[in-house]
Every structure is written in structure tokens, then in C-alpha cells.
N, C-alpha and C. Protein backbone atom coordinates (compact mmCIF):
# COMPACT_ATOMS: atom_id res chain seq x y z
N UNK A 1 -13.43 -21.32 0.29
CA UNK A 1 -13.76 -22.67 -0.09
C UNK A 1 -14.45 -22.72 0.68
N UNK A 2 -15.69 -23.61 0.34
CA UNK A 2 -16.70 -23.67 0.89
C UNK A 2 -16.34 -25.13 1.44
N UNK A 3 -16.97 -25.98 3.34
CA UNK A 3 -16.66 -27.37 3.58
C UNK A 3 -16.93 -28.30 2.01
N UNK A 4 -15.60 -28.88 1.97
CA UNK A 4 -16.27 -30.18 1.13
C UNK A 4 -15.20 -31.46 2.08
N UNK A 5 -15.96 -32.55 1.88
CA UNK A 5 -15.14 -33.69 2.14
C UNK A 5 -13.66 -33.97 1.56
N UNK A 6 -13.34 -34.54 2.53
CA UNK A 6 -11.50 -34.47 2.17
C UNK A 6 -11.29 -35.11 0.59
N UNK A 7 -12.17 -36.10 0.41
CA UNK A 7 -12.07 -36.55 -1.06
C UNK A 7 -12.24 -35.79 -1.98
N UNK A 8 -13.30 -34.92 -2.12
CA UNK A 8 -13.82 -33.99 -3.12
C UNK A 8 -13.21 -32.63 -2.83
N UNK A 9 -12.31 -32.56 -1.98
CA UNK A 9 -11.02 -31.54 -1.80
C UNK A 9 -9.92 -31.65 -2.48
N UNK A 10 -9.27 -32.91 -2.40
CA UNK A 10 -8.71 -33.18 -2.69
C UNK A 10 -8.74 -33.54 -4.43
N UNK A 11 -9.86 -33.91 -4.67
CA UNK A 11 -10.03 -34.03 -6.34
C UNK A 11 -9.64 -32.80 -6.76
N UNK A 12 -10.64 -31.61 -6.23
CA UNK A 12 -10.46 -30.70 -6.64
C UNK A 12 -8.97 -29.93 -6.85
N UNK A 13 -8.34 -29.57 -5.44
CA UNK A 13 -6.85 -29.49 -5.90
C UNK A 13 -6.19 -30.00 -6.94
N UNK A 14 -6.18 -31.46 -7.15
CA UNK A 14 -5.90 -31.81 -8.07
C UNK A 14 -6.50 -31.47 -9.53
N UNK A 15 -7.45 -31.09 -9.95
CA UNK A 15 -7.89 -30.48 -10.69
C UNK A 15 -7.03 -29.28 -10.81
N UNK A 16 -7.31 -28.42 -10.09
CA UNK A 16 -6.60 -26.98 -10.28
C UNK A 16 -5.25 -26.98 -10.49
N UNK A 17 -4.55 -28.12 -9.92
CA UNK A 17 -2.99 -28.11 -10.11
C UNK A 17 -2.55 -28.36 -11.49
N UNK A 18 -4.05 -29.15 -12.28
CA UNK A 18 -3.81 -29.41 -13.73
C UNK A 18 -3.92 -28.00 -14.68
N UNK A 19 -4.50 -27.19 -14.09
CA UNK A 19 -4.50 -25.61 -14.57
C UNK A 19 -3.31 -24.85 -14.10
N UNK A 20 -2.54 -25.64 -13.20
CA UNK A 20 -1.18 -25.00 -12.69
C UNK A 20 -1.28 -23.69 -11.61
N UNK A 21 -2.18 -23.85 -11.07
CA UNK A 21 -2.86 -23.16 -9.72
C UNK A 21 -1.80 -23.68 -8.83
N UNK A 22 -0.99 -22.75 -8.45
CA UNK A 22 0.07 -23.43 -7.45
C UNK A 22 -0.18 -23.17 -6.01
N UNK A 23 -0.90 -22.42 -5.81
CA UNK A 23 -1.66 -22.19 -4.02
C UNK A 23 -2.37 -23.61 -3.94
N UNK A 24 -2.92 -24.39 -5.04
CA UNK A 24 -3.71 -25.53 -4.76
C UNK A 24 -2.77 -26.71 -4.81
N UNK A 25 -1.54 -26.72 -5.20
CA UNK A 25 -0.32 -27.17 -5.52
C UNK A 25 -0.07 -27.26 -3.79
N UNK A 26 0.14 -25.84 -3.13
CA UNK A 26 0.61 -26.23 -2.03
C UNK A 26 -0.17 -26.84 -0.85
N UNK A 27 -1.77 -26.42 -1.21
CA UNK A 27 -2.37 -26.66 -0.20
C UNK A 27 -2.70 -28.37 -0.36
N UNK A 28 -2.71 -28.82 -1.31
CA UNK A 28 -2.40 -30.25 -1.76
C UNK A 28 -1.47 -31.26 -1.05
N UNK A 29 0.31 -30.56 -1.15
CA UNK A 29 1.29 -30.67 -0.84
C UNK A 29 0.65 -31.07 0.73
N UNK A 30 0.26 -29.86 1.49
CA UNK A 30 -0.26 -29.96 2.70
C UNK A 30 -0.93 -31.27 3.55
N UNK A 31 -2.11 -31.00 2.47
CA UNK A 31 -2.59 -32.76 3.22
C UNK A 31 -2.48 -33.94 2.89
N UNK A 32 -1.75 -34.07 1.93
CA UNK A 32 -1.66 -35.30 1.69
C UNK A 32 0.02 -35.63 1.63
N UNK A 33 0.95 -34.58 2.00
CA UNK A 33 2.37 -34.96 1.95
C UNK A 33 2.56 -36.06 3.18
N UNK A 34 1.94 -36.11 4.17
CA UNK A 34 2.12 -36.86 5.48
C UNK A 34 1.99 -38.39 5.17
N UNK A 35 0.67 -38.74 4.27
CA UNK A 35 0.26 -40.10 3.89
C UNK A 35 1.10 -40.83 2.90
N UNK A 36 1.44 -39.67 2.05
CA UNK A 36 2.60 -40.09 0.76
C UNK A 36 3.74 -40.72 1.55
N UNK A 37 4.20 -39.84 1.97
CA UNK A 37 5.69 -40.31 2.89
C UNK A 37 5.38 -40.97 3.58
N UNK A 38 4.53 -41.89 4.35
CA UNK A 38 4.50 -42.92 5.05
C UNK A 38 4.68 -43.95 3.81
N UNK A 39 3.82 -43.83 2.63
CA UNK A 39 3.86 -44.87 1.87
C UNK A 39 5.36 -45.16 1.03
N UNK A 40 5.90 -44.17 1.08
CA UNK A 40 7.35 -44.46 0.24
C UNK A 40 8.59 -44.77 1.42
N UNK A 41 8.19 -44.37 2.68
CA UNK A 41 8.74 -44.76 3.75
C UNK A 41 8.97 -45.91 4.00
N UNK A 42 7.62 -46.67 4.30
CA UNK A 42 7.53 -47.81 4.24
C UNK A 42 7.94 -48.92 3.42
N UNK A 43 8.11 -48.39 1.98
CA UNK A 43 8.54 -49.08 0.88
C UNK A 43 10.39 -48.80 0.80
N UNK A 44 10.74 -47.67 0.92
CA UNK A 44 12.14 -47.65 1.08
C UNK A 44 12.74 -47.98 2.14
N UNK A 45 12.08 -47.99 3.49
CA UNK A 45 13.12 -48.15 4.45
C UNK A 45 14.15 -47.11 4.84
N UNK A 46 14.32 -45.89 4.20
CA UNK A 46 15.45 -45.04 4.44
C UNK A 46 14.82 -43.98 4.62
N UNK A 47 14.55 -42.99 5.45
CA UNK A 47 14.17 -41.82 5.62
C UNK A 47 14.68 -40.89 4.76
N UNK A 48 16.30 -40.59 4.33
CA UNK A 48 16.57 -39.62 3.64
C UNK A 48 16.16 -40.09 2.19
N UNK A 49 16.19 -41.15 1.93
CA UNK A 49 15.65 -41.39 0.28
C UNK A 49 14.25 -41.44 0.19
N UNK A 50 13.64 -41.34 0.97
CA UNK A 50 12.34 -41.10 1.04
C UNK A 50 11.63 -39.54 1.17
N UNK A 51 12.54 -38.92 1.55
CA UNK A 51 12.54 -37.49 1.23
C UNK A 51 12.73 -36.87 0.25
N UNK A 52 13.60 -37.78 -0.42
CA UNK A 52 14.26 -37.04 -1.73
C UNK A 52 13.17 -37.51 -3.06
N UNK A 53 12.43 -38.89 -2.32
CA UNK A 53 11.41 -39.57 -3.02
C UNK A 53 10.12 -39.01 -3.44
N UNK A 54 9.92 -38.09 -1.76
CA UNK A 54 8.95 -37.55 -2.01
C UNK A 54 8.56 -36.20 -2.88
N UNK A 55 9.65 -35.91 -3.11
CA UNK A 55 9.95 -34.39 -3.68
C UNK A 55 9.73 -35.22 -5.22
N UNK A 56 10.47 -35.85 -5.59
CA UNK A 56 10.16 -36.67 -6.93
C UNK A 56 8.87 -37.05 -7.28
N UNK A 57 7.73 -37.17 -5.95
CA UNK A 57 6.67 -37.97 -6.08
C UNK A 57 5.63 -36.68 -6.56
N UNK A 58 5.76 -35.50 -5.99
CA UNK A 58 4.94 -34.47 -6.16
C UNK A 58 5.26 -33.80 -7.51
N UNK A 59 6.77 -33.69 -7.93
CA UNK A 59 6.99 -33.35 -9.27
C UNK A 59 5.82 -33.78 -10.53
N UNK A 60 6.04 -35.20 -10.26
CA UNK A 60 5.20 -36.15 -10.73
C UNK A 60 3.63 -35.83 -10.97
N UNK A 61 3.56 -35.72 -9.67
CA UNK A 61 2.14 -34.99 -9.52
C UNK A 61 1.58 -34.06 -10.26
N UNK A 62 2.81 -32.94 -9.90
CA UNK A 62 2.07 -31.41 -10.73
C UNK A 62 2.33 -31.64 -12.38
N UNK A 63 3.30 -32.58 -12.51
CA UNK A 63 3.17 -32.94 -14.50
C UNK A 63 2.17 -33.78 -14.38
N UNK A 64 1.70 -34.82 -13.75
CA UNK A 64 0.68 -35.47 -14.46
C UNK A 64 -1.07 -35.33 -13.74
N UNK A 65 -1.21 -34.22 -13.04
CA UNK A 65 -2.25 -33.49 -12.90
C UNK A 65 -3.24 -33.71 -13.29
N UNK A 66 -3.19 -33.31 -15.10
CA UNK A 66 -4.08 -33.62 -16.21
C UNK A 66 -4.53 -34.22 -16.23
N UNK A 67 -3.99 -35.71 -15.73
CA UNK A 67 -4.27 -37.21 -16.23
C UNK A 67 -5.07 -37.67 -15.18
N UNK A 68 -5.55 -37.11 -14.10
CA UNK A 68 -6.62 -37.90 -12.89
C UNK A 68 -8.04 -37.20 -13.72
N UNK A 69 -8.77 -38.33 -13.48
CA UNK A 69 -9.98 -38.52 -14.13
C UNK A 69 -10.85 -38.79 -12.79
N UNK A 70 -11.62 -37.79 -12.49
CA UNK A 70 -12.37 -37.42 -11.30
C UNK A 70 -13.63 -38.76 -11.35
N UNK A 71 -13.88 -39.19 -10.12
CA UNK A 71 -14.92 -40.54 -10.61
C UNK A 71 -14.15 -41.93 -11.00
N UNK A 72 -13.27 -41.91 -11.58
CA UNK A 72 -12.66 -42.89 -11.90
C UNK A 72 -12.10 -43.72 -10.66
N UNK A 73 -11.15 -42.80 -9.76
CA UNK A 73 -10.54 -43.46 -8.86
C UNK A 73 -10.50 -42.72 -7.73
N UNK A 74 -10.25 -42.96 -6.40
CA UNK A 74 -10.36 -41.95 -5.37
C UNK A 74 -9.10 -41.31 -5.53
N UNK A 75 -9.28 -39.74 -5.26
CA UNK A 75 -8.20 -38.95 -5.53
C UNK A 75 -6.66 -39.72 -4.74
N UNK A 76 -7.20 -39.83 -3.11
CA UNK A 76 -5.89 -40.23 -2.78
C UNK A 76 -5.45 -41.82 -2.99
N UNK A 77 -6.15 -42.31 -3.67
CA UNK A 77 -5.55 -43.81 -4.30
C UNK A 77 -4.54 -43.45 -5.55
N UNK A 78 -4.87 -42.60 -6.48
CA UNK A 78 -4.33 -41.98 -7.46
C UNK A 78 -3.10 -41.32 -7.18
N UNK A 79 -2.94 -40.76 -5.78
CA UNK A 79 -1.97 -40.03 -5.52
C UNK A 79 -0.85 -41.25 -4.54
N UNK A 80 -1.38 -42.10 -3.92
CA UNK A 80 -0.77 -43.34 -3.36
C UNK A 80 -0.12 -44.07 -4.25
N UNK A 81 -1.04 -44.21 -5.22
CA UNK A 81 -0.44 -45.19 -6.74
C UNK A 81 1.07 -44.66 -7.43
N UNK A 82 0.74 -43.16 -7.53
CA UNK A 82 2.09 -42.56 -7.67
C UNK A 82 3.44 -42.84 -6.97
N UNK A 83 2.94 -42.42 -5.66
CA UNK A 83 3.98 -42.52 -4.85
C UNK A 83 4.83 -44.06 -4.79
N UNK A 84 3.59 -44.72 -4.63
CA UNK A 84 4.27 -46.24 -4.99
C UNK A 84 4.79 -46.87 -5.67
N UNK A 85 4.31 -46.22 -6.88
CA UNK A 85 5.30 -46.76 -8.29
C UNK A 85 6.56 -46.23 -8.17
N UNK A 86 6.89 -44.95 -7.56
CA UNK A 86 7.80 -44.33 -7.59
C UNK A 86 8.70 -44.80 -6.94
N UNK A 87 8.36 -45.13 -5.79
CA UNK A 87 9.64 -45.90 -4.40
C UNK A 87 9.87 -47.21 -4.94
N UNK A 88 8.64 -48.00 -5.78
CA UNK A 88 9.11 -49.19 -5.85
C UNK A 88 10.16 -49.18 -7.39
N UNK A 89 9.67 -48.17 -7.76
CA UNK A 89 11.20 -48.07 -8.90
C UNK A 89 12.63 -47.60 -8.53
N UNK A 90 12.58 -46.97 -7.34
CA UNK A 90 13.77 -46.45 -6.50
C UNK A 90 14.26 -48.03 -6.16
N UNK A 91 13.19 -48.98 -5.93
CA UNK A 91 13.91 -50.17 -5.31
C UNK A 91 14.72 -50.79 -6.46
N UNK A 92 13.82 -51.19 -7.41
CA UNK A 92 14.50 -51.77 -8.47
C UNK A 92 15.89 -51.18 -9.03
N UNK A 93 15.74 -49.78 -8.89
CA UNK A 93 16.85 -49.11 -9.50
C UNK A 93 18.10 -49.41 -8.61
N UNK A 94 18.08 -49.80 -7.26
CA UNK A 94 19.00 -49.79 -6.40
C UNK A 94 19.49 -51.42 -6.61
N UNK A 95 19.05 -52.18 -7.00
CA UNK A 95 19.15 -53.88 -7.28
C UNK A 95 20.45 -53.98 -7.83
N UNK A 96 21.18 -54.84 -7.37
CA UNK A 96 22.81 -54.98 -7.74
C UNK A 96 22.49 -55.79 -9.23
N UNK A 97 23.11 -55.25 -10.64
CA UNK A 97 22.84 -56.27 -11.65
C UNK A 97 23.11 -57.55 -11.83
N UNK A 98 23.77 -58.31 -10.72
CA UNK A 98 24.31 -59.86 -10.91
C UNK A 98 25.03 -59.81 -12.14
N UNK A 99 25.83 -59.25 -12.47
CA UNK A 99 27.48 -59.43 -13.64
C UNK A 99 28.13 -59.74 -13.24
N UNK A 100 28.70 -59.72 -11.47
CA UNK A 100 29.75 -60.31 -11.02
C UNK A 100 29.12 -61.72 -10.29
N UNK A 101 29.23 -62.53 -11.08
CA UNK A 101 29.06 -63.90 -10.23
C UNK A 101 30.06 -64.66 -9.00
N UNK A 102 31.50 -64.10 -9.74
CA UNK A 102 32.68 -64.80 -8.96
C UNK A 102 32.30 -63.83 -7.42
N UNK A 103 31.93 -62.71 -7.68
CA UNK A 103 32.07 -61.50 -5.98
C UNK A 103 31.18 -62.11 -5.59
N UNK A 104 29.57 -63.01 -6.00
CA UNK A 104 28.67 -63.22 -5.49
C UNK A 104 29.00 -64.54 -4.81
N UNK A 105 29.93 -65.18 -5.10
CA UNK A 105 30.03 -66.81 -4.41
C UNK A 105 30.99 -66.60 -3.58
N UNK A 106 31.91 -65.46 -3.27
CA UNK A 106 32.37 -65.17 -2.05
C UNK A 106 31.80 -64.51 -0.80
N UNK A 107 30.56 -64.47 -1.01
CA UNK A 107 29.71 -63.55 0.04
C UNK A 107 28.98 -64.65 0.65
N UNK A 108 29.21 -64.59 1.95
CA UNK A 108 28.85 -65.46 3.20
C UNK A 108 27.29 -65.40 2.99
N UNK A 109 26.36 -66.49 3.57
CA UNK A 109 25.27 -66.73 3.74
C UNK A 109 25.14 -66.27 4.97
N UNK A 110 24.19 -65.19 5.31
CA UNK A 110 23.91 -64.65 6.52
C UNK A 110 22.25 -65.42 6.56
N UNK A 111 21.77 -65.73 6.29
CA UNK A 111 20.19 -66.36 6.31
C UNK A 111 20.23 -67.21 7.28
N UNK A 112 18.92 -67.57 7.44
CA UNK A 112 18.36 -68.70 8.62
C UNK A 112 19.16 -69.95 8.25
N UNK A 113 19.37 -70.71 9.65
CA UNK A 113 19.96 -72.17 9.18
C UNK A 113 19.09 -72.88 8.69
N UNK A 114 18.98 -74.33 7.99
CA UNK A 114 18.00 -74.83 7.44
C UNK A 114 16.79 -75.44 9.05
N UNK A 115 17.42 -75.40 9.86
CA UNK A 115 16.70 -75.37 11.11
C UNK A 115 15.56 -74.60 11.05
N UNK A 116 15.83 -73.72 11.03
CA UNK A 116 14.99 -72.27 11.52
C UNK A 116 14.13 -72.13 10.21
N UNK A 117 14.43 -72.34 8.86
CA UNK A 117 14.16 -72.76 7.98
C UNK A 117 12.44 -73.21 7.92
N UNK A 118 12.85 -74.30 8.39
CA UNK A 118 12.13 -75.46 8.72
C UNK A 118 10.93 -75.00 9.79
N UNK A 119 11.32 -74.50 10.64
CA UNK A 119 10.33 -74.28 11.77
C UNK A 119 9.43 -73.08 10.67
N UNK A 120 10.16 -71.74 10.60
CA UNK A 120 9.27 -70.94 9.99
C UNK A 120 8.58 -71.51 9.09
N UNK A 121 8.97 -72.39 8.13
CA UNK A 121 8.29 -72.76 6.95
C UNK A 121 6.52 -73.45 7.89
N UNK A 122 6.90 -74.17 8.95
CA UNK A 122 5.93 -74.98 9.34
C UNK A 122 4.96 -73.76 10.31
N UNK A 123 5.61 -72.67 10.98
CA UNK A 123 4.56 -71.54 11.64
C UNK A 123 4.39 -70.79 10.37
N UNK A 124 4.87 -70.71 9.35
CA UNK A 124 4.07 -69.95 8.36
C UNK A 124 2.73 -70.89 7.58
N UNK A 125 2.81 -72.15 7.42
CA UNK A 125 1.68 -73.02 6.91
C UNK A 125 0.71 -73.26 7.83
N UNK A 126 0.87 -73.33 9.19
CA UNK A 126 -0.31 -72.82 10.64
C UNK A 126 -0.77 -71.73 10.54
N UNK A 127 -0.07 -70.50 10.41
CA UNK A 127 -1.04 -69.30 10.22
C UNK A 127 -1.92 -69.55 8.71
N UNK A 128 -1.07 -69.88 7.71
CA UNK A 128 -1.83 -69.74 6.21
C UNK A 128 -3.07 -70.59 7.00
N UNK A 129 -3.14 -72.05 6.94
CA UNK A 129 -4.20 -72.78 7.93
C UNK A 129 -5.25 -71.96 8.71
N UNK A 130 -4.74 -71.33 9.58
CA UNK A 130 -5.38 -70.48 10.04
C UNK A 130 -6.46 -69.44 9.74
N UNK A 131 -5.51 -68.81 8.85
CA UNK A 131 -5.86 -67.61 8.06
C UNK A 131 -7.40 -68.02 7.21
N UNK A 132 -7.29 -69.49 6.42
CA UNK A 132 -8.05 -70.40 5.58
C UNK A 132 -9.37 -70.29 6.32
N UNK A 133 -9.36 -70.65 7.88
CA UNK A 133 -10.67 -70.54 8.55
C UNK A 133 -11.33 -69.77 8.67
N UNK A 134 -10.75 -68.46 8.48
CA UNK A 134 -11.12 -67.08 8.31
C UNK A 134 -12.37 -67.21 7.06
N UNK A 135 -13.62 -65.94 7.18
CA UNK A 135 -14.19 -65.60 5.99
C UNK A 135 -12.94 -64.93 4.95
N UNK A 136 -13.09 -64.93 3.73
CA UNK A 136 -12.09 -64.85 2.78
C UNK A 136 -11.60 -63.36 2.66
N UNK A 137 -12.62 -62.60 2.90
CA UNK A 137 -12.50 -61.06 3.12
C UNK A 137 -11.98 -60.77 4.32
N UNK A 138 -12.13 -61.33 5.77
CA UNK A 138 -11.47 -60.88 6.73
C UNK A 138 -9.88 -61.45 6.89
N UNK A 139 -9.98 -63.10 6.04
CA UNK A 139 -8.16 -63.05 5.71
C UNK A 139 -7.58 -62.00 5.00
N UNK A 140 -8.32 -61.44 3.88
CA UNK A 140 -7.62 -60.73 3.09
C UNK A 140 -7.45 -59.12 3.77
N UNK A 141 -8.19 -58.93 4.84
CA UNK A 141 -8.19 -57.46 5.81
C UNK A 141 -6.86 -57.74 6.34
N UNK A 142 -7.14 -59.01 6.95
CA UNK A 142 -5.64 -59.11 8.28
C UNK A 142 -4.75 -59.41 7.60
N UNK A 143 -4.38 -59.69 6.08
CA UNK A 143 -3.19 -59.74 5.17
C UNK A 143 -2.63 -58.32 5.38
N UNK A 144 -4.06 -57.56 4.76
CA UNK A 144 -3.51 -56.06 4.17
C UNK A 144 -3.23 -55.24 5.39
N UNK A 145 -3.88 -55.79 6.53
CA UNK A 145 -3.35 -54.72 7.65
C UNK A 145 -1.91 -54.90 8.34
N UNK A 146 -1.45 -56.66 8.35
CA UNK A 146 -0.66 -56.95 9.05
C UNK A 146 0.83 -57.60 7.94
N UNK A 147 0.64 -57.47 7.15
CA UNK A 147 1.65 -58.02 6.47
C UNK A 147 1.85 -56.83 5.38
N UNK A 148 1.03 -56.37 4.80
CA UNK A 148 1.06 -55.02 3.91
C UNK A 148 0.96 -53.39 4.20
N UNK A 149 0.62 -53.61 5.57
CA UNK A 149 0.90 -52.29 6.21
C UNK A 149 -0.56 -51.17 5.98
N UNK A 150 -1.31 -51.67 5.46
CA UNK A 150 -2.44 -50.66 5.08
C UNK A 150 -3.33 -50.42 6.38
N UNK A 151 -3.50 -49.38 6.54
CA UNK A 151 -3.99 -48.44 7.51
C UNK A 151 -5.44 -49.00 7.79
N UNK A 152 -6.36 -48.87 8.83
CA UNK A 152 -7.52 -49.53 9.04
C UNK A 152 -8.76 -48.33 7.71
N UNK A 153 -7.96 -47.29 7.97
CA UNK A 153 -8.88 -46.56 7.23
C UNK A 153 -9.02 -46.86 5.49
N UNK A 154 -7.81 -47.25 5.34
CA UNK A 154 -7.48 -47.61 3.78
C UNK A 154 -8.37 -49.13 3.62
N UNK A 155 -8.17 -49.84 4.38
CA UNK A 155 -9.06 -51.15 4.40
C UNK A 155 -10.07 -50.74 4.36
N UNK A 156 -11.11 -50.10 5.21
CA UNK A 156 -12.38 -49.88 5.59
C UNK A 156 -12.91 -49.55 3.94
N UNK A 157 -11.92 -48.18 3.38
CA UNK A 157 -12.31 -48.06 1.55
C UNK A 157 -12.03 -48.97 0.78
N UNK A 158 -11.16 -50.08 0.98
CA UNK A 158 -10.96 -50.87 0.18
C UNK A 158 -12.48 -51.74 -0.01
N UNK A 159 -12.79 -52.02 1.30
CA UNK A 159 -14.03 -53.01 1.39
C UNK A 159 -15.12 -52.50 1.45
N UNK A 160 -15.31 -51.34 1.51
CA UNK A 160 -15.84 -50.62 1.58
C UNK A 160 -17.70 -50.86 2.85
N UNK A 161 -16.64 -50.39 3.72
CA UNK A 161 -17.23 -50.90 5.14
C UNK A 161 -17.10 -49.57 6.00
N UNK A 162 -17.56 -49.51 6.86
CA UNK A 162 -17.44 -48.24 8.11
C UNK A 162 -16.16 -48.62 8.49
N UNK A 163 -15.31 -47.66 9.22
CA UNK A 163 -14.25 -47.93 9.81
C UNK A 163 -14.42 -49.01 11.04
N UNK A 164 -15.48 -48.40 11.97
CA UNK A 164 -15.50 -49.26 13.14
C UNK A 164 -15.81 -50.38 12.64
N UNK A 165 -16.60 -50.78 11.50
CA UNK A 165 -16.58 -52.39 11.04
C UNK A 165 -15.36 -53.40 10.76
N UNK A 166 -14.63 -52.27 10.02
CA UNK A 166 -13.06 -52.72 9.69
C UNK A 166 -12.09 -53.40 10.94
N UNK A 167 -12.33 -52.22 12.17
CA UNK A 167 -11.43 -52.20 13.50
C UNK A 167 -12.43 -53.95 14.01
N UNK A 168 -13.44 -53.64 14.24
CA UNK A 168 -14.28 -55.39 14.67
C UNK A 168 -13.97 -56.16 13.95
N UNK A 169 -13.70 -55.91 12.52
CA UNK A 169 -13.28 -57.54 11.72
C UNK A 169 -12.05 -58.02 12.00
N UNK A 170 -11.21 -56.64 12.35
CA UNK A 170 -10.02 -57.19 12.67
C UNK A 170 -9.81 -57.86 14.18
N UNK A 171 -10.52 -56.93 14.93
CA UNK A 171 -9.96 -57.33 16.60
C UNK A 171 -10.48 -59.08 16.63
N UNK A 172 -11.80 -59.15 16.13
CA UNK A 172 -12.20 -60.66 15.86
C UNK A 172 -11.69 -61.69 15.20
N UNK A 173 -11.24 -61.08 13.98
CA UNK A 173 -10.30 -62.40 13.11
C UNK A 173 -9.05 -62.80 14.02
N UNK A 174 -8.40 -61.57 14.78
CA UNK A 174 -7.17 -61.75 15.40
C UNK A 174 -7.44 -62.62 16.73
N UNK A 175 -8.72 -62.67 17.26
CA UNK A 175 -9.12 -63.54 18.25
C UNK A 175 -8.80 -64.74 17.79
N UNK A 176 -9.63 -65.03 16.53
CA UNK A 176 -9.88 -66.95 15.92
C UNK A 176 -8.53 -66.89 15.60
N UNK A 177 -7.23 -66.03 15.09
CA UNK A 177 -6.44 -66.31 14.73
C UNK A 177 -5.56 -67.13 16.11
N UNK A 178 -5.67 -66.21 17.01
CA UNK A 178 -5.04 -66.61 18.49
C UNK A 178 -5.65 -67.79 18.77
N UNK A 179 -6.68 -68.37 18.67
CA UNK A 179 -7.68 -69.43 19.47
C UNK A 179 -6.85 -70.52 18.71
N UNK A 180 -7.08 -70.37 17.18
CA UNK A 180 -6.39 -71.33 15.85
C UNK A 180 -5.16 -72.12 16.43
N UNK A 181 -4.10 -70.73 16.55
CA UNK A 181 -2.99 -71.41 16.85
C UNK A 181 -2.67 -72.07 18.11
N UNK A 182 -3.36 -71.65 19.02
CA UNK A 182 -2.83 -72.06 20.10
C UNK A 182 -3.43 -73.32 20.51
N UNK A 183 -4.52 -73.77 19.48
CA UNK A 183 -5.21 -74.98 19.96
C UNK A 183 -4.12 -76.25 19.56
């Protein structure tokens, strides 16, 4: 196979999977499974569940590869969406149904005290205030990196800026946040 960019190669592999090319599927798994596993693990927070989920994600990829439209979405974004949605479905499925309210009344509250909630709320308000002082795209990038767990590369693609520019945005934004919070 001639040298291709990573995005073009992944799009080509997905297209070949839609033709039921098992070798392409194997290669697609090798090229993308680490990233998708990270996405699933971040959501499920349980390695065993994530390992099971990633297998199910690739079954969906194999079954739905004919639905990928090249050029409409980045191929890695399409794969991440499948992984993310599957993991979120698993989280929703494991939530208790809430049928037994009497049992719920007997469960001890292990949450933070009212004092701690007030302090956290004040800290959160200070952070939000300081984030509000950043340019909107910089604040969104900071939230994406440090609250949502996006990588620098994912954020650079999302904001259509070079990777080094994204690193600079985040570094400078964190400096401004620290100055604001210590003032």
C-alpha cells in the first residue's frame, strides 16, 4: 500500500471493511484500538468492562462500516463516536432502576458536607469567572482538555489549528487562570 496520511489510510480501511476485507479490518484494529480503548476506558472507568466493550465496538464497526461517508466526518471521529456511544449505553444500562425507594432511604449519604459543598461551589464560581476572562475558544479548549479529557491532537483538529498552537493556547490559558485565581 503506498504511503497515505493517517486519516486517508483509516478512511480507506473502513471502506475496505465495508467490502468485508478481513485484513483491512485487522489493520484498522491495530491502528485505532489503543485510541478507542482509551475513550471507552475513560467513560467506563473499569478496565475489564472496557476490554469487553472494545470488542463490541469493533463488531459494530464491522457491521456499520458501509455507513461511513468519506469526507463527511473524519474517520477517527466516526470511530470515536461509535466507541463513545457504546460506552455511554453501557453506563446507562448499569444504572439502578430506582424501583425500590424504601431501600434508597436507608442508604447513607457519603457525599460532601454542606460546608464543603459551599466551598466547592465558591471555588467553581471563581474558576468559571476566570475562564470567562479568557477568549471563548481558549476557554472551550481548556474545558475540553482538563474536564472532558480530549488530547491536544483532538483539540487541535476540533479547533482547526496546528498542534503546537493548541499547546500554546493551553499553556498561556493556564498561566492566565493561575494569575486570576491567585489574585
